[in-house]
């Protein structure tokens, strides 16, 4: 399984709106098209953490191909009033907001 963690800034009162947007998005076929197995959203003191688990190591490639889909474009636009780049000066794409995993452990 492949996981990504996106870190951004979120309006303090936006958690319910963001959850609803993803609830609608995840009810369709897009998670399956992207290979998403699980999505979890977290907030902490104005920060937004978006943890996503994928079927396989190609999760990032499948997202890249899905980025042009109108449903992906729409949720990205719908999230803008609620979510902002952690560092707007360096953000060009979601990859610029992905945390780097430096340790991993799992039970056998």
PDB file of N, CA and C in Angstrom:
ATOM      1  N   UNK A   1       0.845  -1.173   0.000  1.00  0.00           N
ATOM      2  CA  UNK A   1       0.000   0.000   0.000  1.00  0.00           C
ATOM      3  C   UNK A   1       0.892   1.238   0.000  1.00  0.00           C
ATOM      4  N   UNK A   2       0.466   2.261  -0.678  1.00  0.00           N
ATOM      5  CA  UNK A   2       1.176   3.533  -0.782  1.00  0.00           C
ATOM      6  C   UNK A   2       0.329   4.603  -0.096  1.00  0.00           C
ATOM      7  N   UNK A   3       0.949   5.443   0.716  1.00  0.00           N
ATOM      8  CA  UNK A   3       0.233   6.505   1.425  1.00  0.00           C
ATOM      9  C   UNK A   3       0.834   7.857   1.097  1.00  0.00           C
ATOM     10  N   UNK A   4      -0.018   8.878   1.088  1.00  0.00           N
ATOM     11  CA  UNK A   4       0.446  10.256   0.971  1.00  0.00           C
ATOM     12  C   UNK A   4      -0.191  11.067   2.098  1.00  0.00           C
ATOM     13  N   UNK A   5       0.524  12.101   2.504  1.00  0.00           N
ATOM     14  CA  UNK A   5       0.018  13.009   3.532  1.00  0.00           C
ATOM     15  C   UNK A   5       0.215  14.425   3.028  1.00  0.00           C
ATOM     16  N   UNK A   6      -0.888  15.105   2.793  1.00  0.00           N
ATOM     17  CA  UNK A   6      -0.856  16.505   2.355  1.00  0.00           C
ATOM     18  C   UNK A   6      -1.038  17.382   3.582  1.00  0.00           C
ATOM     19  N   UNK A   7      -0.209  18.409   3.695  1.00  0.00           N
ATOM     20  CA  UNK A   7      -0.273  19.363   4.800  1.00  0.00           C
ATOM     21  C   UNK A   7      -0.611  20.736   4.218  1.00  0.00           C
ATOM     22  N   UNK A   8      -1.608  21.381   4.789  1.00  0.00           N
ATOM     23  CA  UNK A   8      -2.006  22.710   4.328  1.00  0.00           C
ATOM     24  C   UNK A   8      -2.566  23.484   5.520  1.00  0.00           C
ATOM     25  N   UNK A   9      -3.077  24.656   5.235  1.00  0.00           N
ATOM     26  CA  UNK A   9      -3.729  25.468   6.265  1.00  0.00           C
ATOM     27  C   UNK A   9      -5.232  25.411   6.010  1.00  0.00           C
ATOM     28  N   UNK A  10      -6.020  25.386   7.094  1.00  0.00           N
ATOM     29  CA  UNK A  10      -7.465  25.301   6.962  1.00  0.00           C
ATOM     30  C   UNK A  10      -8.122  26.327   7.878  1.00  0.00           C
ATOM     31  N   UNK A  11      -9.156  26.966   7.359  1.00  0.00           N
ATOM     32  CA  UNK A  11      -9.951  27.872   8.200  1.00  0.00           C
ATOM     33  C   UNK A  11     -10.449  27.098   9.410  1.00  0.00           C
ATOM     34  N   UNK A  12     -10.414  27.668  10.588  1.00  0.00           N
ATOM     35  CA  UNK A  12     -10.813  26.946  11.810  1.00  0.00           C
ATOM     36  C   UNK A  12     -12.233  26.386  11.789  1.00  0.00           C
ATOM     37  N   UNK A  13     -13.135  27.044  11.075  1.00  0.00           N
ATOM     38  CA  UNK A  13     -14.534  26.609  11.064  1.00  0.00           C
ATOM     39  C   UNK A  13     -14.902  25.788   9.832  1.00  0.00           C
ATOM     40  N   UNK A  14     -13.911  25.307   9.088  1.00  0.00           N
ATOM     41  CA  UNK A  14     -14.179  24.686   7.791  1.00  0.00           C
ATOM     42  C   UNK A  14     -14.246  23.168   7.811  1.00  0.00           C
ATOM     43  N   UNK A  15     -14.021  22.535   8.951  1.00  0.00           N
ATOM     44  CA  UNK A  15     -13.927  21.076   8.948  1.00  0.00           C
ATOM     45  C   UNK A  15     -15.193  20.394   8.423  1.00  0.00           C
ATOM     46  N   UNK A  16     -16.344  20.866   8.821  1.00  0.00           N
ATOM     47  CA  UNK A  16     -17.587  20.236   8.355  1.00  0.00           C
ATOM     48  C   UNK A  16     -17.779  20.417   6.851  1.00  0.00           C
ATOM     49  N   UNK A  17     -17.513  21.615   6.341  1.00  0.00           N
ATOM     50  CA  UNK A  17     -17.665  21.867   4.901  1.00  0.00           C
ATOM     51  C   UNK A  17     -16.700  21.001   4.099  1.00  0.00           C
ATOM     52  N   UNK A  18     -15.469  20.887   4.555  1.00  0.00           N
ATOM     53  CA  UNK A  18     -14.473  20.068   3.858  1.00  0.00           C
ATOM     54  C   UNK A  18     -14.889  18.599   3.900  1.00  0.00           C
ATOM     55  N   UNK A  19     -15.360  18.135   5.047  1.00  0.00           N
ATOM     56  CA  UNK A  19     -15.819  16.748   5.165  1.00  0.00           C
ATOM     57  C   UNK A  19     -16.980  16.469   4.213  1.00  0.00           C
ATOM     58  N   UNK A  20     -17.887  17.406   4.085  1.00  0.00           N
ATOM     59  CA  UNK A  20     -19.022  17.229   3.174  1.00  0.00           C
ATOM     60  C   UNK A  20     -18.562  17.174   1.724  1.00  0.00           C
ATOM     61  N   UNK A  21     -17.622  18.045   1.348  1.00  0.00           N
ATOM     62  CA  UNK A  21     -17.107  18.023  -0.022  1.00  0.00           C
ATOM     63  C   UNK A  21     -16.469  16.672  -0.341  1.00  0.00           C
ATOM     64  N   UNK A  22     -15.665  16.163   0.570  1.00  0.00           N
ATOM     65  CA  UNK A  22     -15.039  14.869   0.325  1.00  0.00           C
ATOM     66  C   UNK A  22     -16.049  13.731   0.411  1.00  0.00           C
ATOM     67  N   UNK A  23     -17.070  13.855   1.249  1.00  0.00           N
ATOM     68  CA  UNK A  23     -18.113  12.846   1.302  1.00  0.00           C
ATOM     69  C   UNK A  23     -18.793  12.681  -0.044  1.00  0.00           C
ATOM     70  N   UNK A  24     -19.105  13.799  -0.693  1.00  0.00           N
ATOM     71  CA  UNK A  24     -19.714  13.762  -2.023  1.00  0.00           C
ATOM     72  C   UNK A  24     -18.734  13.200  -3.051  1.00  0.00           C
ATOM     73  N   UNK A  25     -17.494  13.654  -2.995  1.00  0.00           N
ATOM     74  CA  UNK A  25     -16.464  13.205  -3.939  1.00  0.00           C
ATOM     75  C   UNK A  25     -16.229  11.703  -3.808  1.00  0.00           C
ATOM     76  N   UNK A  26     -16.116  11.223  -2.583  1.00  0.00           N
ATOM     77  CA  UNK A  26     -15.811   9.812  -2.343  1.00  0.00           C
ATOM     78  C   UNK A  26     -16.995   8.891  -2.620  1.00  0.00           C
ATOM     79  N   UNK A  27     -18.214   9.438  -2.694  1.00  0.00           N
ATOM     80  CA  UNK A  27     -19.382   8.627  -2.999  1.00  0.00           C
ATOM     81  C   UNK A  27     -19.429   8.226  -4.477  1.00  0.00           C
ATOM     82  N   UNK A  28     -18.646   8.892  -5.304  1.00  0.00           N
ATOM     83  CA  UNK A  28     -18.619   8.593  -6.735  1.00  0.00           C
ATOM     84  C   UNK A  28     -17.508   7.617  -7.083  1.00  0.00           C
ATOM     85  N   UNK A  29     -17.145   7.602  -8.346  1.00  0.00           N
ATOM     86  CA  UNK A  29     -16.144   6.646  -8.829  1.00  0.00           C
ATOM     87  C   UNK A  29     -14.706   7.152  -8.755  1.00  0.00           C
ATOM     88  N   UNK A  30     -14.507   8.430  -8.440  1.00  0.00           N
ATOM     89  CA  UNK A  30     -13.152   8.983  -8.463  1.00  0.00           C
ATOM     90  C   UNK A  30     -12.181   8.269  -7.521  1.00  0.00           C
ATOM     91  N   UNK A  31     -12.544   7.934  -6.287  1.00  0.00           N
ATOM     92  CA  UNK A  31     -11.574   7.230  -5.440  1.00  0.00           C
ATOM     93  C   UNK A  31     -11.103   5.923  -6.088  1.00  0.00           C
ATOM     94  N   UNK A  32     -12.020   5.222  -6.732  1.00  0.00           N
ATOM     95  CA  UNK A  32     -11.659   3.963  -7.383  1.00  0.00           C
ATOM     96  C   UNK A  32     -10.750   4.217  -8.579  1.00  0.00           C
ATOM     97  N   UNK A  33     -11.037   5.265  -9.325  1.00  0.00           N
ATOM     98  CA  UNK A  33     -10.208   5.612 -10.484  1.00  0.00           C
ATOM     99  C   UNK A  33      -8.781   5.964 -10.045  1.00  0.00           C
ATOM    100  N   UNK A  34      -8.664   6.624  -8.892  1.00  0.00           N
ATOM    101  CA  UNK A  34      -7.351   7.034  -8.388  1.00  0.00           C
ATOM    102  C   UNK A  34      -6.665   5.928  -7.591  1.00  0.00           C
ATOM    103  N   UNK A  35      -7.378   4.841  -7.298  1.00  0.00           N
ATOM    104  CA  UNK A  35      -6.805   3.763  -6.513  1.00  0.00           C
ATOM    105  C   UNK A  35      -6.837   4.032  -5.015  1.00  0.00           C
ATOM    106  N   UNK A  36      -7.664   4.975  -4.582  1.00  0.00           N
ATOM    107  CA  UNK A  36      -7.744   5.327  -3.165  1.00  0.00           C
ATOM    108  C   UNK A  36      -8.447   4.220  -2.389  1.00  0.00           C
ATOM    109  N   UNK A  37      -7.798   3.733  -1.342  1.00  0.00           N
ATOM    110  CA  UNK A  37      -8.381   2.719  -0.471  1.00  0.00           C
ATOM    111  C   UNK A  37      -8.973   3.344   0.789  1.00  0.00           C
ATOM    112  N   UNK A  38      -8.352   4.429   1.243  1.00  0.00           N
ATOM    113  CA  UNK A  38      -8.816   5.084   2.472  1.00  0.00           C
ATOM    114  C   UNK A  38      -8.373   6.541   2.447  1.00  0.00           C
ATOM    115  N   UNK A  39      -9.246   7.395   2.976  1.00  0.00           N
ATOM    116  CA  UNK A  39      -8.925   8.818   3.115  1.00  0.00           C
ATOM    117  C   UNK A  39      -9.268   9.214   4.544  1.00  0.00           C
ATOM    118  N   UNK A  40      -8.364   9.925   5.189  1.00  0.00           N
ATOM    119  CA  UNK A  40      -8.628  10.466   6.521  1.00  0.00           C
ATOM    120  C   UNK A  40      -8.195  11.927   6.529  1.00  0.00           C
ATOM    121  N   UNK A  41      -9.025  12.773   7.113  1.00  0.00           N
ATOM    122  CA  UNK A  41      -8.732  14.196   7.215  1.00  0.00           C
ATOM    123  C   UNK A  41      -8.584  14.552   8.688  1.00  0.00           C
ATOM    124  N   UNK A  42      -7.537  15.326   8.984  1.00  0.00           N
ATOM    125  CA  UNK A  42      -7.263  15.741  10.353  1.00  0.00           C
ATOM    126  C   UNK A  42      -7.048  17.246  10.370  1.00  0.00           C
ATOM    127  N   UNK A  43      -7.343  17.847  11.518  1.00  0.00           N
ATOM    128  CA  UNK A  43      -7.014  19.257  11.692  1.00  0.00           C
ATOM    129  C   UNK A  43      -6.341  19.430  13.046  1.00  0.00           C
ATOM    130  N   UNK A  44      -5.462  20.417  13.091  1.00  0.00           N
ATOM    131  CA  UNK A  44      -4.775  20.734  14.341  1.00  0.00           C
ATOM    132  C   UNK A  44      -4.308  22.175  14.280  1.00  0.00           C
ATOM    133  N   UNK A  45      -4.909  23.028  15.105  1.00  0.00           N
ATOM    134  CA  UNK A  45      -4.505  24.431  15.242  1.00  0.00           C
ATOM    135  C   UNK A  45      -4.304  25.136  13.901  1.00  0.00           C
ATOM    136  N   UNK A  46      -5.300  25.041  13.073  1.00  0.00           N
ATOM    137  CA  UNK A  46      -5.259  25.736  11.791  1.00  0.00           C
ATOM    138  C   UNK A  46      -4.551  24.974  10.688  1.00  0.00           C
ATOM    139  N   UNK A  47      -4.049  23.788  10.989  1.00  0.00           N
ATOM    140  CA  UNK A  47      -3.407  22.969   9.969  1.00  0.00           C
ATOM    141  C   UNK A  47      -4.358  21.866   9.522  1.00  0.00           C
ATOM    142  N   UNK A  48      -4.209  21.450   8.299  1.00  0.00           N
ATOM    143  CA  UNK A  48      -5.033  20.433   7.652  1.00  0.00           C
ATOM    144  C   UNK A  48      -4.107  19.307   7.228  1.00  0.00           C
ATOM    145  N   UNK A  49      -4.484  18.091   7.566  1.00  0.00           N
ATOM    146  CA  UNK A  49      -3.707  16.907   7.194  1.00  0.00           C
ATOM    147  C   UNK A  49      -4.633  15.963   6.441  1.00  0.00           C
ATOM    148  N   UNK A  50      -4.234  15.603   5.247  1.00  0.00           N
ATOM    149  CA  UNK A  50      -5.046  14.764   4.372  1.00  0.00           C
ATOM    150  C   UNK A  50      -4.243  13.491   4.098  1.00  0.00           C
ATOM    151  N   UNK A  51      -4.601  12.423   4.805  1.00  0.00           N
ATOM    152  CA  UNK A  51      -3.920  11.140   4.665  1.00  0.00           C
ATOM    153  C   UNK A  51      -4.716  10.271   3.708  1.00  0.00           C
ATOM    154  N   UNK A  52      -4.034   9.770   2.692  1.00  0.00           N
ATOM    155  CA  UNK A  52      -4.704   8.965   1.671  1.00  0.00           C
ATOM    156  C   UNK A  52      -3.882   7.710   1.424  1.00  0.00           C
ATOM    157  N   UNK A  53      -4.543   6.560   1.460  1.00  0.00           N
ATOM    158  CA  UNK A  53      -3.891   5.278   1.193  1.00  0.00           C
ATOM    159  C   UNK A  53      -4.360   4.768  -0.156  1.00  0.00           C
ATOM    160  N   UNK A  54      -3.416   4.218  -0.914  1.00  0.00           N
ATOM    161  CA  UNK A  54      -3.680   3.738  -2.269  1.00  0.00           C
ATOM    162  C   UNK A  54      -3.418   2.242  -2.387  1.00  0.00           C
ATOM    163  N   UNK A  55      -4.002   1.641  -3.414  1.00  0.00           N
ATOM    164  CA  UNK A  55      -3.846   0.219  -3.679  1.00  0.00           C
ATOM    165  C   UNK A  55      -2.392  -0.203  -3.790  1.00  0.00           C
ATOM    166  N   UNK A  56      -1.618   0.557  -4.514  1.00  0.00           N
ATOM    167  CA  UNK A  56      -0.251   0.132  -4.809  1.00  0.00           C
ATOM    168  C   UNK A  56       0.657   1.340  -4.922  1.00  0.00           C
ATOM    169  N   UNK A  57       1.903   1.084  -5.223  1.00  0.00           N
ATOM    170  CA  UNK A  57       2.896   2.152  -5.348  1.00  0.00           C
ATOM    171  C   UNK A  57       2.591   3.128  -6.484  1.00  0.00           C
ATOM    172  N   UNK A  58       1.704   2.777  -7.391  1.00  0.00           N
ATOM    173  CA  UNK A  58       1.396   3.670  -8.510  1.00  0.00           C
ATOM    174  C   UNK A  58       0.324   4.702  -8.182  1.00  0.00           C
ATOM    175  N   UNK A  59      -0.047   4.838  -6.919  1.00  0.00           N
ATOM    176  CA  UNK A  59      -1.076   5.780  -6.522  1.00  0.00           C
ATOM    177  C   UNK A  59      -0.830   7.181  -7.032  1.00  0.00           C
ATOM    178  N   UNK A  60       0.390   7.646  -6.939  1.00  0.00           N
ATOM    179  CA  UNK A  60       0.714   8.983  -7.416  1.00  0.00           C
ATOM    180  C   UNK A  60       0.510   9.141  -8.903  1.00  0.00           C
ATOM    181  N   UNK A  61       0.843   8.112  -9.660  1.00  0.00           N
ATOM    182  CA  UNK A  61       0.663   8.170 -11.112  1.00  0.00           C
ATOM    183  C   UNK A  61      -0.815   8.206 -11.483  1.00  0.00           C
ATOM    184  N   UNK A  62      -1.617   7.451 -10.773  1.00  0.00           N
ATOM    185  CA  UNK A  62      -3.048   7.433 -11.065  1.00  0.00           C
ATOM    186  C   UNK A  62      -3.677   8.783 -10.736  1.00  0.00           C
ATOM    187  N   UNK A  63      -3.202   9.437  -9.689  1.00  0.00           N
ATOM    188  CA  UNK A  63      -3.712  10.773  -9.369  1.00  0.00           C
ATOM    189  C   UNK A  63      -3.329  11.756 -10.468  1.00  0.00           C
ATOM    190  N   UNK A  64      -2.098  11.655 -10.947  1.00  0.00           N
ATOM    191  CA  UNK A  64      -1.652  12.557 -12.016  1.00  0.00           C
ATOM    192  C   UNK A  64      -2.555  12.432 -13.233  1.00  0.00           C
ATOM    193  N   UNK A  65      -2.964  11.212 -13.576  1.00  0.00           N
ATOM    194  CA  UNK A  65      -3.839  11.046 -14.737  1.00  0.00           C
ATOM    195  C   UNK A  65      -5.259  11.532 -14.448  1.00  0.00           C
ATOM    196  N   UNK A  66      -5.668  11.491 -13.179  1.00  0.00           N
ATOM    197  CA  UNK A  66      -7.024  11.918 -12.812  1.00  0.00           C
ATOM    198  C   UNK A  66      -7.144  13.425 -12.634  1.00  0.00           C
ATOM    199  N   UNK A  67      -6.024  14.133 -12.525  1.00  0.00           N
ATOM    200  CA  UNK A  67      -6.075  15.578 -12.238  1.00  0.00           C
ATOM    201  C   UNK A  67      -6.846  16.383 -13.278  1.00  0.00           C
ATOM    202  N   UNK A  68      -6.920  15.891 -14.492  1.00  0.00           N
ATOM    203  CA  UNK A  68      -7.653  16.606 -15.535  1.00  0.00           C
ATOM    204  C   UNK A  68      -9.146  16.308 -15.544  1.00  0.00           C
ATOM    205  N   UNK A  69      -9.579  15.331 -14.763  1.00  0.00           N
ATOM    206  CA  UNK A  69     -10.988  14.966 -14.712  1.00  0.00           C
ATOM    207  C   UNK A  69     -11.785  16.128 -14.126  1.00  0.00           C
ATOM    208  N   UNK A  70     -12.926  16.477 -14.723  1.00  0.00           N
ATOM    209  CA  UNK A  70     -13.728  17.602 -14.221  1.00  0.00           C
ATOM    210  C   UNK A  70     -14.115  17.466 -12.747  1.00  0.00           C
ATOM    211  N   UNK A  71     -14.304  16.246 -12.258  1.00  0.00           N
ATOM    212  CA  UNK A  71     -14.669  16.053 -10.848  1.00  0.00           C
ATOM    213  C   UNK A  71     -13.497  16.388  -9.932  1.00  0.00           C
ATOM    214  N   UNK A  72     -12.291  16.062 -10.358  1.00  0.00           N
ATOM    215  CA  UNK A  72     -11.094  16.394  -9.584  1.00  0.00           C
ATOM    216  C   UNK A  72     -10.888  17.907  -9.587  1.00  0.00           C
ATOM    217  N   UNK A  73     -11.045  18.510 -10.756  1.00  0.00           N
ATOM    218  CA  UNK A  73     -10.904  19.965 -10.879  1.00  0.00           C
ATOM    219  C   UNK A  73     -11.945  20.662 -10.010  1.00  0.00           C
ATOM    220  N   UNK A  74     -13.167  20.161 -10.010  1.00  0.00           N
ATOM    221  CA  UNK A  74     -14.250  20.778  -9.236  1.00  0.00           C
ATOM    222  C   UNK A  74     -13.976  20.725  -7.735  1.00  0.00           C
ATOM    223  N   UNK A  75     -13.557  19.569  -7.204  1.00  0.00           N
ATOM    224  CA  UNK A  75     -13.309  19.516  -5.760  1.00  0.00           C
ATOM    225  C   UNK A  75     -12.131  20.402  -5.390  1.00  0.00           C
ATOM    226  N   UNK A  76     -11.141  20.479  -6.258  1.00  0.00           N
ATOM    227  CA  UNK A  76     -10.006  21.369  -5.990  1.00  0.00           C
ATOM    228  C   UNK A  76     -10.470  22.815  -5.883  1.00  0.00           C
ATOM    229  N   UNK A  77     -11.358  23.226  -6.762  1.00  0.00           N
ATOM    230  CA  UNK A  77     -11.902  24.583  -6.726  1.00  0.00           C
ATOM    231  C   UNK A  77     -12.803  24.784  -5.506  1.00  0.00           C
ATOM    232  N   UNK A  78     -13.628  23.787  -5.207  1.00  0.00           N
ATOM    233  CA  UNK A  78     -14.553  23.892  -4.072  1.00  0.00           C
ATOM    234  C   UNK A  78     -13.817  23.981  -2.738  1.00  0.00           C
ATOM    235  N   UNK A  79     -12.612  23.414  -2.657  1.00  0.00           N
ATOM    236  CA  UNK A  79     -11.841  23.436  -1.416  1.00  0.00           C
ATOM    237  C   UNK A  79     -11.114  24.763  -1.189  1.00  0.00           C
ATOM    238  N   UNK A  80     -10.908  25.539  -2.239  1.00  0.00           N
ATOM    239  CA  UNK A  80     -10.111  26.774  -2.132  1.00  0.00           C
ATOM    240  C   UNK A  80     -10.579  27.752  -1.053  1.00  0.00           C
ATOM    241  N   UNK A  81     -11.887  27.939  -0.838  1.00  0.00           N
ATOM    242  CA  UNK A  81     -12.284  28.871   0.230  1.00  0.00           C
ATOM    243  C   UNK A  81     -11.942  28.362   1.636  1.00  0.00           C
ATOM    244  N   UNK A  82     -11.663  27.074   1.751  1.00  0.00           N
ATOM    245  CA  UNK A  82     -11.447  26.456   3.052  1.00  0.00           C
ATOM    246  C   UNK A  82      -9.990  26.079   3.339  1.00  0.00           C
ATOM    247  N   UNK A  83      -9.268  25.713   2.283  1.00  0.00           N
ATOM    248  CA  UNK A  83      -7.911  25.185   2.413  1.00  0.00           C
ATOM    249  C   UNK A  83      -6.952  26.096   1.656  1.00  0.00           C
ATOM    250  N   UNK A  84      -5.825  26.418   2.278  1.00  0.00           N
ATOM    251  CA  UNK A  84      -4.795  27.233   1.626  1.00  0.00           C
ATOM    252  C   UNK A  84      -3.461  26.509   1.709  1.00  0.00           C
ATOM    253  N   UNK A  85      -2.593  26.784   0.769  1.00  0.00           N
ATOM    254  CA  UNK A  85      -1.262  26.178   0.761  1.00  0.00           C
ATOM    255  C   UNK A  85      -0.528  26.515   2.055  1.00  0.00           C
ATOM    256  N   UNK A  86       0.213  25.560   2.557  1.00  0.00           N
ATOM    257  CA  UNK A  86       1.019  25.801   3.759  1.00  0.00           C
ATOM    258  C   UNK A  86       2.038  26.903   3.484  1.00  0.00           C
ATOM    259  N   UNK A  87       2.684  26.837   2.318  1.00  0.00           N
ATOM    260  CA  UNK A  87       3.649  27.857   1.905  1.00  0.00           C
ATOM    261  C   UNK A  87       3.279  28.326   0.498  1.00  0.00           C
ATOM    262  N   UNK A  88       2.463  29.367   0.384  1.00  0.00           N
ATOM    263  CA  UNK A  88       1.994  29.811  -0.937  1.00  0.00           C
ATOM    264  C   UNK A  88       3.110  30.203  -1.896  1.00  0.00           C
ATOM    265  N   UNK A  89       4.260  30.594  -1.367  1.00  0.00           N
ATOM    266  CA  UNK A  89       5.364  31.014  -2.240  1.00  0.00           C
ATOM    267  C   UNK A  89       5.989  29.850  -3.002  1.00  0.00           C
ATOM    268  N   UNK A  90       5.865  28.643  -2.478  1.00  0.00           N
ATOM    269  CA  UNK A  90       6.502  27.494  -3.137  1.00  0.00           C
ATOM    270  C   UNK A  90       5.494  26.502  -3.708  1.00  0.00           C
ATOM    271  N   UNK A  91       4.200  26.714  -3.473  1.00  0.00           N
ATOM    272  CA  UNK A  91       3.198  25.749  -3.920  1.00  0.00           C
ATOM    273  C   UNK A  91       2.900  25.902  -5.399  1.00  0.00           C
ATOM    274  N   UNK A  92       3.033  24.787  -6.139  1.00  0.00           N
ATOM    275  CA  UNK A  92       2.671  24.747  -7.549  1.00  0.00           C
ATOM    276  C   UNK A  92       1.663  23.633  -7.831  1.00  0.00           C
ATOM    277  N   UNK A  93       1.712  22.571  -7.015  1.00  0.00           N
ATOM    278  CA  UNK A  93       0.798  21.447  -7.182  1.00  0.00           C
ATOM    279  C   UNK A  93       0.686  20.718  -5.845  1.00  0.00           C
ATOM    280  N   UNK A  94      -0.265  19.775  -5.711  1.00  0.00           N
ATOM    281  CA  UNK A  94      -0.378  19.033  -4.446  1.00  0.00           C
ATOM    282  C   UNK A  94       0.933  18.364  -4.016  1.00  0.00           C
ATOM    283  N   UNK A  95       1.781  17.998  -4.954  1.00  0.00           N
ATOM    284  CA  UNK A  95       3.063  17.382  -4.592  1.00  0.00           C
ATOM    285  C   UNK A  95       3.897  18.307  -3.706  1.00  0.00           C
ATOM    286  N   UNK A  96       3.736  19.611  -3.870  1.00  0.00           N
ATOM    287  CA  UNK A  96       4.497  20.573  -3.072  1.00  0.00           C
ATOM    288  C   UNK A  96       3.992  20.657  -1.633  1.00  0.00           C
ATOM    289  N   UNK A  97       2.870  20.006  -1.349  1.00  0.00           N
ATOM    290  CA  UNK A  97       2.312  20.026  -0.002  1.00  0.00           C
ATOM    291  C   UNK A  97       2.391  18.657   0.674  1.00  0.00           C
ATOM    292  N   UNK A  98       3.027  17.698   0.008  1.00  0.00           N
ATOM    293  CA  UNK A  98       3.091  16.343   0.555  1.00  0.00           C
ATOM    294  C   UNK A  98       4.249  16.193   1.519  1.00  0.00           C
ATOM    295  N   UNK A  99       3.913  15.699   2.705  1.00  0.00           N
ATOM    296  CA  UNK A  99       4.942  15.427   3.707  1.00  0.00           C
ATOM    297  C   UNK A  99       5.784  14.241   3.233  1.00  0.00           C
ATOM    298  N   UNK A 100       7.018  14.222   3.633  1.00  0.00           N
ATOM    299  CA  UNK A 100       7.922  13.136   3.267  1.00  0.00           C
ATOM    300  C   UNK A 100       7.996  12.133   4.417  1.00  0.00           C
ATOM    301  N   UNK A 101       7.717  10.893   4.105  1.00  0.00           N
ATOM    302  CA  UNK A 101       7.785   9.839   5.116  1.00  0.00           C
ATOM    303  C   UNK A 101       9.259   9.502   5.368  1.00  0.00           C
ATOM    304  N   UNK A 102       9.680   9.554   6.609  1.00  0.00           N
ATOM    305  CA  UNK A 102      11.069   9.251   6.930  1.00  0.00           C
ATOM    306  C   UNK A 102      11.208   8.058   7.864  1.00  0.00           C
ATOM    307  N   UNK A 103      10.080   7.442   8.270  1.00  0.00           N
ATOM    308  CA  UNK A 103      10.115   6.220   9.078  1.00  0.00           C
ATOM    309  C   UNK A 103       8.804   5.491   8.884  1.00  0.00           C
ATOM    310  N   UNK A 104       8.896   4.183   8.778  1.00  0.00           N
ATOM    311  CA  UNK A 104       7.702   3.383   8.564  1.00  0.00           C
ATOM    312  C   UNK A 104       7.832   2.084   9.339  1.00  0.00           C
ATOM    313  N   UNK A 105       6.751   1.632   9.966  1.00  0.00           N
ATOM    314  CA  UNK A 105       6.716   0.354  10.662  1.00  0.00           C
ATOM    315  C   UNK A 105       5.331  -0.220  10.508  1.00  0.00           C
ATOM    316  N   UNK A 106       5.222  -1.512  10.392  1.00  0.00           N
ATOM    317  CA  UNK A 106       3.915  -2.164  10.407  1.00  0.00           C
ATOM    318  C   UNK A 106       4.047  -3.534  11.045  1.00  0.00           C
ATOM    319  N   UNK A 107       2.963  -4.011  11.601  1.00  0.00           N
ATOM    320  CA  UNK A 107       2.944  -5.333  12.205  1.00  0.00           C
ATOM    321  C   UNK A 107       3.005  -6.376  11.079  1.00  0.00           C
ATOM    322  N   UNK A 108       3.651  -7.462  11.350  1.00  0.00           N
ATOM    323  CA  UNK A 108       3.768  -8.530  10.346  1.00  0.00           C
ATOM    324  C   UNK A 108       2.451  -9.221  10.166  1.00  0.00           C
TER     325      UNK A 108
END
